[in-house]
mmCIF file of all heavy atoms, coordinates in Angstrom:
data_MODEL
# 
_entry.id   MODEL 
# 
loop_
_atom_site.group_PDB 
_atom_site.id 
_atom_site.type_symbol 
_atom_site.label_atom_id 
_atom_site.label_alt_id 
_atom_site.label_comp_id 
_atom_site.label_asym_id 
_atom_site.label_entity_id 
_atom_site.label_seq_id 
_atom_site.pdbx_PDB_ins_code 
_atom_site.Cartn_x 
_atom_site.Cartn_y 
_atom_site.Cartn_z 
_atom_site.occupancy 
_atom_site.B_iso_or_equiv 
_atom_site.pdbx_formal_charge 
_atom_site.auth_seq_id 
_atom_site.auth_comp_id 
_atom_site.auth_asym_id 
_atom_site.auth_atom_id 
_atom_site.pdbx_PDB_model_num 
ATOM 1   N N   . ASP A 1 1  ? 97.261  105.852 100.382 1.00 0.00 ? 1  ASP A N   1 
ATOM 2   C CA  . ASP A 1 1  ? 96.106  106.079 99.518  1.00 0.00 ? 1  ASP A CA  1 
ATOM 3   C C   . ASP A 1 1  ? 95.338  104.775 99.399  1.00 0.00 ? 1  ASP A C   1 
ATOM 4   O O   . ASP A 1 1  ? 95.939  103.695 99.441  1.00 0.00 ? 1  ASP A O   1 
ATOM 5   C CB  . ASP A 1 1  ? 96.549  106.528 98.118  1.00 0.00 ? 1  ASP A CB  1 
ATOM 6   C CG  . ASP A 1 1  ? 97.242  107.876 98.140  1.00 0.00 ? 1  ASP A CG  1 
ATOM 7   O OD1 . ASP A 1 1  ? 96.798  108.758 98.891  1.00 0.00 ? 1  ASP A OD1 1 
ATOM 8   O OD2 . ASP A 1 1  ? 98.234  108.040 97.407  1.00 0.00 ? 1  ASP A OD2 1 
ATOM 9   N N   . TYR A 1 2  ? 94.021  104.872 99.252  1.00 0.00 ? 2  TYR A N   1 
ATOM 10  C CA  . TYR A 1 2  ? 93.209  103.670 99.120  1.00 0.00 ? 2  TYR A CA  1 
ATOM 11  C C   . TYR A 1 2  ? 92.002  103.934 98.236  1.00 0.00 ? 2  TYR A C   1 
ATOM 12  O O   . TYR A 1 2  ? 91.588  105.083 98.056  1.00 0.00 ? 2  TYR A O   1 
ATOM 13  C CB  . TYR A 1 2  ? 92.765  103.151 100.490 1.00 0.00 ? 2  TYR A CB  1 
ATOM 14  C CG  . TYR A 1 2  ? 91.811  104.079 101.230 1.00 0.00 ? 2  TYR A CG  1 
ATOM 15  C CD1 . TYR A 1 2  ? 90.434  103.927 101.118 1.00 0.00 ? 2  TYR A CD1 1 
ATOM 16  C CD2 . TYR A 1 2  ? 92.298  105.109 102.038 1.00 0.00 ? 2  TYR A CD2 1 
ATOM 17  C CE1 . TYR A 1 2  ? 89.559  104.767 101.783 1.00 0.00 ? 2  TYR A CE1 1 
ATOM 18  C CE2 . TYR A 1 2  ? 91.430  105.951 102.706 1.00 0.00 ? 2  TYR A CE2 1 
ATOM 19  C CZ  . TYR A 1 2  ? 90.064  105.775 102.582 1.00 0.00 ? 2  TYR A CZ  1 
ATOM 20  O OH  . TYR A 1 2  ? 89.204  106.612 103.235 1.00 0.00 ? 2  TYR A OH  1 
ATOM 21  N N   . PHE A 1 3  ? 91.485  102.853 97.661  1.00 0.00 ? 3  PHE A N   1 
ATOM 22  C CA  . PHE A 1 3  ? 90.222  102.906 96.940  1.00 0.00 ? 3  PHE A CA  1 
ATOM 23  C C   . PHE A 1 3  ? 89.512  101.581 97.162  1.00 0.00 ? 3  PHE A C   1 
ATOM 24  O O   . PHE A 1 3  ? 90.109  100.597 97.604  1.00 0.00 ? 3  PHE A O   1 
ATOM 25  C CB  . PHE A 1 3  ? 90.416  103.221 95.450  1.00 0.00 ? 3  PHE A CB  1 
ATOM 26  C CG  . PHE A 1 3  ? 91.149  102.159 94.677  1.00 0.00 ? 3  PHE A CG  1 
ATOM 27  C CD1 . PHE A 1 3  ? 90.454  101.142 94.042  1.00 0.00 ? 3  PHE A CD1 1 
ATOM 28  C CD2 . PHE A 1 3  ? 92.534  102.177 94.572  1.00 0.00 ? 3  PHE A CD2 1 
ATOM 29  C CE1 . PHE A 1 3  ? 91.123  100.158 93.325  1.00 0.00 ? 3  PHE A CE1 1 
ATOM 30  C CE2 . PHE A 1 3  ? 93.211  101.210 93.855  1.00 0.00 ? 3  PHE A CE2 1 
ATOM 31  C CZ  . PHE A 1 3  ? 92.506  100.196 93.234  1.00 0.00 ? 3  PHE A CZ  1 
ATOM 32  N N   . VAL A 1 4  ? 88.204  101.577 96.871  1.00 0.00 ? 4  VAL A N   1 
ATOM 33  C CA  . VAL A 1 4  ? 87.384  100.386 97.113  1.00 0.00 ? 4  VAL A CA  1 
ATOM 34  C C   . VAL A 1 4  ? 86.588  100.081 95.854  1.00 0.00 ? 4  VAL A C   1 
ATOM 35  O O   . VAL A 1 4  ? 86.061  100.983 95.196  1.00 0.00 ? 4  VAL A O   1 
ATOM 36  C CB  . VAL A 1 4  ? 86.427  100.609 98.300  1.00 0.00 ? 4  VAL A CB  1 
ATOM 37  C CG1 . VAL A 1 4  ? 85.570  99.384  98.550  1.00 0.00 ? 4  VAL A CG1 1 
ATOM 38  C CG2 . VAL A 1 4  ? 87.208  100.982 99.555  1.00 0.00 ? 4  VAL A CG2 1 
ATOM 39  N N   . GLN A 1 5  ? 86.503  98.791  95.539  1.00 0.00 ? 5  GLN A N   1 
ATOM 40  C CA  . GLN A 1 5  ? 85.692  98.356  94.402  1.00 0.00 ? 5  GLN A CA  1 
ATOM 41  C C   . GLN A 1 5  ? 84.917  97.109  94.791  1.00 0.00 ? 5  GLN A C   1 
ATOM 42  O O   . GLN A 1 5  ? 85.371  96.312  95.601  1.00 0.00 ? 5  GLN A O   1 
ATOM 43  C CB  . GLN A 1 5  ? 86.562  98.108  93.171  1.00 0.00 ? 5  GLN A CB  1 
ATOM 44  C CG  . GLN A 1 5  ? 87.676  97.122  93.378  1.00 0.00 ? 5  GLN A CG  1 
ATOM 45  C CD  . GLN A 1 5  ? 88.664  97.130  92.220  1.00 0.00 ? 5  GLN A CD  1 
ATOM 46  O OE1 . GLN A 1 5  ? 88.844  98.141  91.549  1.00 0.00 ? 5  GLN A OE1 1 
ATOM 47  N NE2 . GLN A 1 5  ? 89.305  96.006  92.000  1.00 0.00 ? 5  GLN A NE2 1 
ATOM 48  N N   . ALA A 1 6  ? 83.724  96.989  94.225  1.00 0.00 ? 6  ALA A N   1 
ATOM 49  C CA  . ALA A 1 6  ? 82.875  95.823  94.469  1.00 0.00 ? 6  ALA A CA  1 
ATOM 50  C C   . ALA A 1 6  ? 81.979  95.630  93.258  1.00 0.00 ? 6  ALA A C   1 
ATOM 51  O O   . ALA A 1 6  ? 81.591  96.602  92.583  1.00 0.00 ? 6  ALA A O   1 
ATOM 52  C CB  . ALA A 1 6  ? 82.027  96.017  95.728  1.00 0.00 ? 6  ALA A CB  1 
ATOM 53  N N   . GLU A 1 7  ? 81.653  94.377  93.011  1.00 0.00 ? 7  GLU A N   1 
ATOM 54  C CA  . GLU A 1 7  ? 80.796  94.059  91.869  1.00 0.00 ? 7  GLU A CA  1 
ATOM 55  C C   . GLU A 1 7  ? 79.442  94.745  92.031  1.00 0.00 ? 7  GLU A C   1 
ATOM 56  O O   . GLU A 1 7  ? 78.828  94.704  93.089  1.00 0.00 ? 7  GLU A O   1 
ATOM 57  C CB  . GLU A 1 7  ? 80.600  92.550  91.776  1.00 0.00 ? 7  GLU A CB  1 
ATOM 58  C CG  . GLU A 1 7  ? 79.896  92.125  90.504  1.00 0.00 ? 7  GLU A CG  1 
ATOM 59  C CD  . GLU A 1 7  ? 79.870  90.614  90.337  1.00 0.00 ? 7  GLU A CD  1 
ATOM 60  O OE1 . GLU A 1 7  ? 80.801  89.939  90.785  1.00 0.00 ? 7  GLU A OE1 1 
ATOM 61  O OE2 . GLU A 1 7  ? 78.897  90.139  89.745  1.00 0.00 ? 7  GLU A OE2 1 
ATOM 62  N N   . GLY A 1 8  ? 79.008  95.418  90.964  1.00 0.00 ? 8  GLY A N   1 
ATOM 63  C CA  . GLY A 1 8  ? 77.729  96.107  90.972  1.00 0.00 ? 8  GLY A CA  1 
ATOM 64  C C   . GLY A 1 8  ? 77.797  97.527  91.501  1.00 0.00 ? 8  GLY A C   1 
ATOM 65  O O   . GLY A 1 8  ? 76.779  98.211  91.588  1.00 0.00 ? 8  GLY A O   1 
ATOM 66  N N   . TYR A 1 9  ? 79.000  97.996  91.874  1.00 0.00 ? 9  TYR A N   1 
ATOM 67  C CA  . TYR A 1 9  ? 79.183  99.341  92.425  1.00 0.00 ? 9  TYR A CA  1 
ATOM 68  C C   . TYR A 1 9  ? 80.259  100.079 91.644  1.00 0.00 ? 9  TYR A C   1 
ATOM 69  O O   . TYR A 1 9  ? 81.135  99.472  91.029  1.00 0.00 ? 9  TYR A O   1 
ATOM 70  C CB  . TYR A 1 9  ? 79.616  99.269  93.894  1.00 0.00 ? 9  TYR A CB  1 
ATOM 71  C CG  . TYR A 1 9  ? 78.553  98.742  94.817  1.00 0.00 ? 9  TYR A CG  1 
ATOM 72  C CD1 . TYR A 1 9  ? 78.460  97.380  95.079  1.00 0.00 ? 9  TYR A CD1 1 
ATOM 73  C CD2 . TYR A 1 9  ? 77.644  99.597  95.418  1.00 0.00 ? 9  TYR A CD2 1 
ATOM 74  C CE1 . TYR A 1 9  ? 77.492  96.881  95.931  1.00 0.00 ? 9  TYR A CE1 1 
ATOM 75  C CE2 . TYR A 1 9  ? 76.669  99.111  96.274  1.00 0.00 ? 9  TYR A CE2 1 
ATOM 76  C CZ  . TYR A 1 9  ? 76.597  97.753  96.521  1.00 0.00 ? 9  TYR A CZ  1 
ATOM 77  O OH  . TYR A 1 9  ? 75.630  97.266  97.353  1.00 0.00 ? 9  TYR A OH  1 
ATOM 78  N N   . LYS A 1 10 ? 80.205  101.411 91.716  1.00 0.00 ? 10 LYS A N   1 
ATOM 79  C CA  . LYS A 1 10 ? 81.254  102.237 91.126  1.00 0.00 ? 10 LYS A CA  1 
ATOM 80  C C   . LYS A 1 10 ? 82.481  102.179 92.027  1.00 0.00 ? 10 LYS A C   1 
ATOM 81  O O   . LYS A 1 10 ? 82.368  102.194 93.248  1.00 0.00 ? 10 LYS A O   1 
ATOM 82  C CB  . LYS A 1 10 ? 80.787  103.687 91.016  1.00 0.00 ? 10 LYS A CB  1 
ATOM 83  C CG  . LYS A 1 10 ? 79.634  103.892 90.060  1.00 0.00 ? 10 LYS A CG  1 
ATOM 84  C CD  . LYS A 1 10 ? 79.217  105.353 90.055  1.00 0.00 ? 10 LYS A CD  1 
ATOM 85  C CE  . LYS A 1 10 ? 77.988  105.542 89.179  1.00 0.00 ? 10 LYS A CE  1 
ATOM 86  N NZ  . LYS A 1 10 ? 77.487  106.924 89.261  1.00 0.00 ? 10 LYS A NZ  1 
ATOM 87  N N   . THR A 1 11 ? 83.656  102.118 91.406  1.00 0.00 ? 11 THR A N   1 
ATOM 88  C CA  . THR A 1 11 ? 84.905  102.168 92.169  1.00 0.00 ? 11 THR A CA  1 
ATOM 89  C C   . THR A 1 11 ? 85.054  103.568 92.753  1.00 0.00 ? 11 THR A C   1 
ATOM 90  O O   . THR A 1 11 ? 84.792  104.563 92.082  1.00 0.00 ? 11 THR A O   1 
ATOM 91  C CB  . THR A 1 11 ? 86.098  101.842 91.253  1.00 0.00 ? 11 THR A CB  1 
ATOM 92  O OG1 . THR A 1 11 ? 85.910  100.520 90.726  1.00 0.00 ? 11 THR A OG1 1 
ATOM 93  C CG2 . THR A 1 11 ? 87.413  101.902 92.004  1.00 0.00 ? 11 THR A CG2 1 
ATOM 94  N N   . THR A 1 12 ? 85.459  103.636 94.005  1.00 0.00 ? 12 THR A N   1 
ATOM 95  C CA  . THR A 1 12 ? 85.615  104.938 94.649  1.00 0.00 ? 12 THR A CA  1 
ATOM 96  C C   . THR A 1 12 ? 86.815  105.674 94.070  1.00 0.00 ? 12 THR A C   1 
ATOM 97  O O   . THR A 1 12 ? 87.763  105.063 93.562  1.00 0.00 ? 12 THR A O   1 
ATOM 98  C CB  . THR A 1 12 ? 85.826  104.807 96.169  1.00 0.00 ? 12 THR A CB  1 
ATOM 99  O OG1 . THR A 1 12 ? 87.043  104.114 96.421  1.00 0.00 ? 12 THR A OG1 1 
ATOM 100 C CG2 . THR A 1 12 ? 84.668  104.095 96.828  1.00 0.00 ? 12 THR A CG2 1 
ATOM 101 N N   . ALA A 1 13 ? 86.780  106.978 94.178  1.00 0.00 ? 13 ALA A N   1 
ATOM 102 C CA  . ALA A 1 13 ? 87.949  107.779 93.842  1.00 0.00 ? 13 ALA A CA  1 
ATOM 103 C C   . ALA A 1 13 ? 89.003  107.512 94.913  1.00 0.00 ? 13 ALA A C   1 
ATOM 104 O O   . ALA A 1 13 ? 88.668  107.191 96.051  1.00 0.00 ? 13 ALA A O   1 
ATOM 105 C CB  . ALA A 1 13 ? 87.578  109.263 93.825  1.00 0.00 ? 13 ALA A CB  1 
ATOM 106 N N   . PRO A 1 14 ? 90.268  107.625 94.562  1.00 0.00 ? 14 PRO A N   1 
ATOM 107 C CA  . PRO A 1 14 ? 91.313  107.416 95.574  1.00 0.00 ? 14 PRO A CA  1 
ATOM 108 C C   . PRO A 1 14 ? 91.146  108.381 96.753  1.00 0.00 ? 14 PRO A C   1 
ATOM 109 O O   . PRO A 1 14 ? 90.851  109.559 96.566  1.00 0.00 ? 14 PRO A O   1 
ATOM 110 C CB  . PRO A 1 14 ? 92.613  107.690 94.822  1.00 0.00 ? 14 PRO A CB  1 
ATOM 111 C CG  . PRO A 1 14 ? 92.272  107.457 93.384  1.00 0.00 ? 14 PRO A CG  1 
ATOM 112 C CD  . PRO A 1 14 ? 90.838  107.884 93.241  1.00 0.00 ? 14 PRO A CD  1 
ATOM 113 N N   . GLN A 1 15 ? 91.318  107.854 97.946  1.00 0.00 ? 15 GLN A N   1 
ATOM 114 C CA  . GLN A 1 15 ? 91.243  108.629 99.177  1.00 0.00 ? 15 GLN A CA  1 
ATOM 115 C C   . GLN A 1 15 ? 92.598  108.541 99.870  1.00 0.00 ? 15 GLN A C   1 
ATOM 116 O O   . GLN A 1 15 ? 93.370  107.632 99.612  1.00 0.00 ? 15 GLN A O   1 
ATOM 117 C CB  . GLN A 1 15 ? 90.166  108.057 100.107 1.00 0.00 ? 15 GLN A CB  1 
ATOM 118 C CG  . GLN A 1 15 ? 88.781  108.015 99.503  1.00 0.00 ? 15 GLN A CG  1 
ATOM 119 C CD  . GLN A 1 15 ? 88.193  109.400 99.349  1.00 0.00 ? 15 GLN A CD  1 
ATOM 120 O OE1 . GLN A 1 15 ? 88.295  110.227 100.237 1.00 0.00 ? 15 GLN A OE1 1 
ATOM 121 N NE2 . GLN A 1 15 ? 87.593  109.653 98.200  1.00 0.00 ? 15 GLN A NE2 1 
ATOM 122 N N   . SER A 1 16 ? 92.863  109.453 100.783 1.00 0.00 ? 16 SER A N   1 
ATOM 123 C CA  . SER A 1 16 ? 94.118  109.442 101.530 1.00 0.00 ? 16 SER A CA  1 
ATOM 124 C C   . SER A 1 16 ? 93.849  109.193 102.998 1.00 0.00 ? 16 SER A C   1 
ATOM 125 O O   . SER A 1 16 ? 92.790  109.544 103.521 1.00 0.00 ? 16 SER A O   1 
ATOM 126 C CB  . SER A 1 16 ? 94.850  110.779 101.382 1.00 0.00 ? 16 SER A CB  1 
ATOM 127 O OG  . SER A 1 16 ? 95.242  110.958 100.055 1.00 0.00 ? 16 SER A OG  1 
ATOM 128 N N   . GLY A 1 17 ? 94.818  108.600 103.652 1.00 0.00 ? 17 GLY A N   1 
ATOM 129 C CA  . GLY A 1 17 ? 94.743  108.384 105.084 1.00 0.00 ? 17 GLY A CA  1 
ATOM 130 C C   . GLY A 1 17 ? 96.126  108.506 105.680 1.00 0.00 ? 17 GLY A C   1 
ATOM 131 O O   . GLY A 1 17 ? 97.128  108.623 104.971 1.00 0.00 ? 17 GLY A O   1 
ATOM 132 N N   . HIS A 1 18 ? 96.170  108.474 107.004 1.00 0.00 ? 18 HIS A N   1 
ATOM 133 C CA  . HIS A 1 18 ? 97.448  108.546 107.714 1.00 0.00 ? 18 HIS A CA  1 
ATOM 134 C C   . HIS A 1 18 ? 97.394  107.599 108.900 1.00 0.00 ? 18 HIS A C   1 
ATOM 135 O O   . HIS A 1 18 ? 96.414  107.586 109.647 1.00 0.00 ? 18 HIS A O   1 
ATOM 136 C CB  . HIS A 1 18 ? 97.722  109.970 108.200 1.00 0.00 ? 18 HIS A CB  1 
ATOM 137 C CG  . HIS A 1 18 ? 99.026  110.079 108.924 1.00 0.00 ? 18 HIS A CG  1 
ATOM 138 N ND1 . HIS A 1 18 ? 100.213 110.269 108.270 1.00 0.00 ? 18 HIS A ND1 1 
ATOM 139 C CD2 . HIS A 1 18 ? 99.330  109.985 110.242 1.00 0.00 ? 18 HIS A CD2 1 
ATOM 140 C CE1 . HIS A 1 18 ? 101.191 110.305 109.162 1.00 0.00 ? 18 HIS A CE1 1 
ATOM 141 N NE2 . HIS A 1 18 ? 100.686 110.128 110.366 1.00 0.00 ? 18 HIS A NE2 1 
ATOM 142 N N   . GLY A 1 19 ? 98.454  106.810 109.052 1.00 0.00 ? 19 GLY A N   1 
ATOM 143 C CA  . GLY A 1 19 ? 98.532  105.886 110.167 1.00 0.00 ? 19 GLY A CA  1 
ATOM 144 C C   . GLY A 1 19 ? 99.780  106.112 110.985 1.00 0.00 ? 19 GLY A C   1 
ATOM 145 O O   . GLY A 1 19 ? 100.849 106.367 110.446 1.00 0.00 ? 19 GLY A O   1 
ATOM 146 N N   . ASP A 1 20 ? 99.629  106.061 112.299 1.00 0.00 ? 20 ASP A N   1 
ATOM 147 C CA  . ASP A 1 20 ? 100.752 106.149 113.217 1.00 0.00 ? 20 ASP A CA  1 
ATOM 148 C C   . ASP A 1 20 ? 101.035 104.764 113.776 1.00 0.00 ? 20 ASP A C   1 
ATOM 149 O O   . ASP A 1 20 ? 100.101 103.986 113.995 1.00 0.00 ? 20 ASP A O   1 
ATOM 150 C CB  . ASP A 1 20 ? 100.437 107.116 114.364 1.00 0.00 ? 20 ASP A CB  1 
ATOM 151 C CG  . ASP A 1 20 ? 100.311 108.555 113.886 1.00 0.00 ? 20 ASP A CG  1 
ATOM 152 O OD1 . ASP A 1 20 ? 101.137 108.974 113.052 1.00 0.00 ? 20 ASP A OD1 1 
ATOM 153 O OD2 . ASP A 1 20 ? 99.382  109.254 114.342 1.00 0.00 ? 20 ASP A OD2 1 
ATOM 154 N N   . PRO A 1 21 ? 102.296 104.435 114.036 1.00 0.00 ? 21 PRO A N   1 
ATOM 155 C CA  . PRO A 1 21 ? 102.634 103.100 114.543 1.00 0.00 ? 21 PRO A CA  1 
ATOM 156 C C   . PRO A 1 21 ? 101.834 102.754 115.802 1.00 0.00 ? 21 PRO A C   1 
ATOM 157 O O   . PRO A 1 21 ? 101.744 103.551 116.733 1.00 0.00 ? 21 PRO A O   1 
ATOM 158 C CB  . PRO A 1 21 ? 104.122 103.196 114.859 1.00 0.00 ? 21 PRO A CB  1 
ATOM 159 C CG  . PRO A 1 21 ? 104.628 104.326 114.045 1.00 0.00 ? 21 PRO A CG  1 
ATOM 160 C CD  . PRO A 1 21 ? 103.484 105.281 113.921 1.00 0.00 ? 21 PRO A CD  1 
ATOM 161 N N   . GLY A 1 22 ? 101.245 101.577 115.783 1.00 0.00 ? 22 GLY A N   1 
ATOM 162 C CA  . GLY A 1 22 ? 100.528 101.084 116.952 1.00 0.00 ? 22 GLY A CA  1 
ATOM 163 C C   . GLY A 1 22 ? 99.164  101.701 117.191 1.00 0.00 ? 22 GLY A C   1 
ATOM 164 O O   . GLY A 1 22 ? 98.498  101.360 118.162 1.00 0.00 ? 22 GLY A O   1 
ATOM 165 N N   . LYS A 1 23 ? 98.738  102.632 116.348 1.00 0.00 ? 23 LYS A N   1 
ATOM 166 C CA  . LYS A 1 23 ? 97.423  103.259 116.522 1.00 0.00 ? 23 LYS A CA  1 
ATOM 167 C C   . LYS A 1 23 ? 96.524  102.857 115.366 1.00 0.00 ? 23 LYS A C   1 
ATOM 168 O O   . LYS A 1 23 ? 96.831  103.146 114.214 1.00 0.00 ? 23 LYS A O   1 
ATOM 169 C CB  . LYS A 1 23 ? 97.549  104.780 116.565 1.00 0.00 ? 23 LYS A CB  1 
ATOM 170 C CG  . LYS A 1 23 ? 98.314  105.293 117.764 1.00 0.00 ? 23 LYS A CG  1 
ATOM 171 C CD  . LYS A 1 23 ? 98.346  106.797 117.760 1.00 0.00 ? 23 LYS A CD  1 
ATOM 172 C CE  . LYS A 1 23 ? 99.143  107.305 118.945 1.00 0.00 ? 23 LYS A CE  1 
ATOM 173 N NZ  . LYS A 1 23 ? 99.253  108.764 118.912 1.00 0.00 ? 23 LYS A NZ  1 
ATOM 174 N N   . PRO A 1 24 ? 95.408  102.182 115.659 1.00 0.00 ? 24 PRO A N   1 
ATOM 175 C CA  . PRO A 1 24 ? 94.516  101.781 114.561 1.00 0.00 ? 24 PRO A CA  1 
ATOM 176 C C   . PRO A 1 24 ? 93.862  102.984 113.893 1.00 0.00 ? 24 PRO A C   1 
ATOM 177 O O   . PRO A 1 24 ? 93.594  104.002 114.528 1.00 0.00 ? 24 PRO A O   1 
ATOM 178 C CB  . PRO A 1 24 ? 93.476  100.894 115.236 1.00 0.00 ? 24 PRO A CB  1 
ATOM 179 C CG  . PRO A 1 24 ? 93.615  101.113 116.688 1.00 0.00 ? 24 PRO A CG  1 
ATOM 180 C CD  . PRO A 1 24 ? 94.949  101.732 116.950 1.00 0.00 ? 24 PRO A CD  1 
ATOM 181 N N   . VAL A 1 25 ? 93.636  102.841 112.599 1.00 0.00 ? 25 VAL A N   1 
ATOM 182 C CA  . VAL A 1 25 ? 92.957  103.857 111.795 1.00 0.00 ? 25 VAL A CA  1 
ATOM 183 C C   . VAL A 1 25 ? 91.614  103.274 111.392 1.00 0.00 ? 25 VAL A C   1 
ATOM 184 O O   . VAL A 1 25 ? 91.546  102.136 110.911 1.00 0.00 ? 25 VAL A O   1 
ATOM 185 C CB  . VAL A 1 25 ? 93.780  104.199 110.535 1.00 0.00 ? 25 VAL A CB  1 
ATOM 186 C CG1 . VAL A 1 25 ? 93.041  105.192 109.660 1.00 0.00 ? 25 VAL A CG1 1 
ATOM 187 C CG2 . VAL A 1 25 ? 95.157  104.703 110.903 1.00 0.00 ? 25 VAL A CG2 1 
ATOM 188 N N   . SER A 1 26 ? 90.536  104.010 111.585 1.00 0.00 ? 26 SER A N   1 
ATOM 189 C CA  . SER A 1 26 ? 89.202  103.545 111.191 1.00 0.00 ? 26 SER A CA  1 
ATOM 190 C C   . SER A 1 26 ? 88.703  104.370 110.018 1.00 0.00 ? 26 SER A C   1 
ATOM 191 O O   . SER A 1 26 ? 88.781  105.593 110.038 1.00 0.00 ? 26 SER A O   1 
ATOM 192 C CB  . SER A 1 26 ? 88.215  103.695 112.362 1.00 0.00 ? 26 SER A CB  1 
ATOM 193 O OG  . SER A 1 26 ? 88.573  102.823 113.401 1.00 0.00 ? 26 SER A OG  1 
ATOM 194 N N   . ILE A 1 27 ? 88.196  103.663 109.001 1.00 0.00 ? 27 ILE A N   1 
ATOM 195 C CA  . ILE A 1 27 ? 87.611  104.354 107.860 1.00 0.00 ? 27 ILE A CA  1 
ATOM 196 C C   . ILE A 1 27 ? 86.260  103.718 107.532 1.00 0.00 ? 27 ILE A C   1 
ATOM 197 O O   . ILE A 1 27 ? 86.036  102.538 107.805 1.00 0.00 ? 27 ILE A O   1 
ATOM 198 C CB  . ILE A 1 27 ? 88.526  104.353 106.624 1.00 0.00 ? 27 ILE A CB  1 
ATOM 199 C CG1 . ILE A 1 27 ? 88.859  102.937 106.166 1.00 0.00 ? 27 ILE A CG1 1 
ATOM 200 C CG2 . ILE A 1 27 ? 89.795  105.120 106.885 1.00 0.00 ? 27 ILE A CG2 1 
ATOM 201 C CD1 . ILE A 1 27 ? 89.676  102.895 104.882 1.00 0.00 ? 27 ILE A CD1 1 
ATOM 202 N N   . SER A 1 28 ? 85.397  104.525 106.986 1.00 0.00 ? 28 SER A N   1 
ATOM 203 C CA  . SER A 1 28 ? 84.087  104.066 106.544 1.00 0.00 ? 28 SER A CA  1 
ATOM 204 C C   . SER A 1 28 ? 83.927  104.505 105.096 1.00 0.00 ? 28 SER A C   1 
ATOM 205 O O   . SER A 1 28 ? 84.194  105.666 104.764 1.00 0.00 ? 28 SER A O   1 
ATOM 206 C CB  . SER A 1 28 ? 82.996  104.687 107.422 1.00 0.00 ? 28 SER A CB  1 
ATOM 207 O OG  . SER A 1 28 ? 81.738  104.217 107.033 1.00 0.00 ? 28 SER A OG  1 
# 
């Protein structure tokens, strides 16, 4: 699970992801 926060912005709601060994995961 991940979330993002930055000054001057609303903190994102928690999001989910999945990673497999040795395979990069890209998120935007």
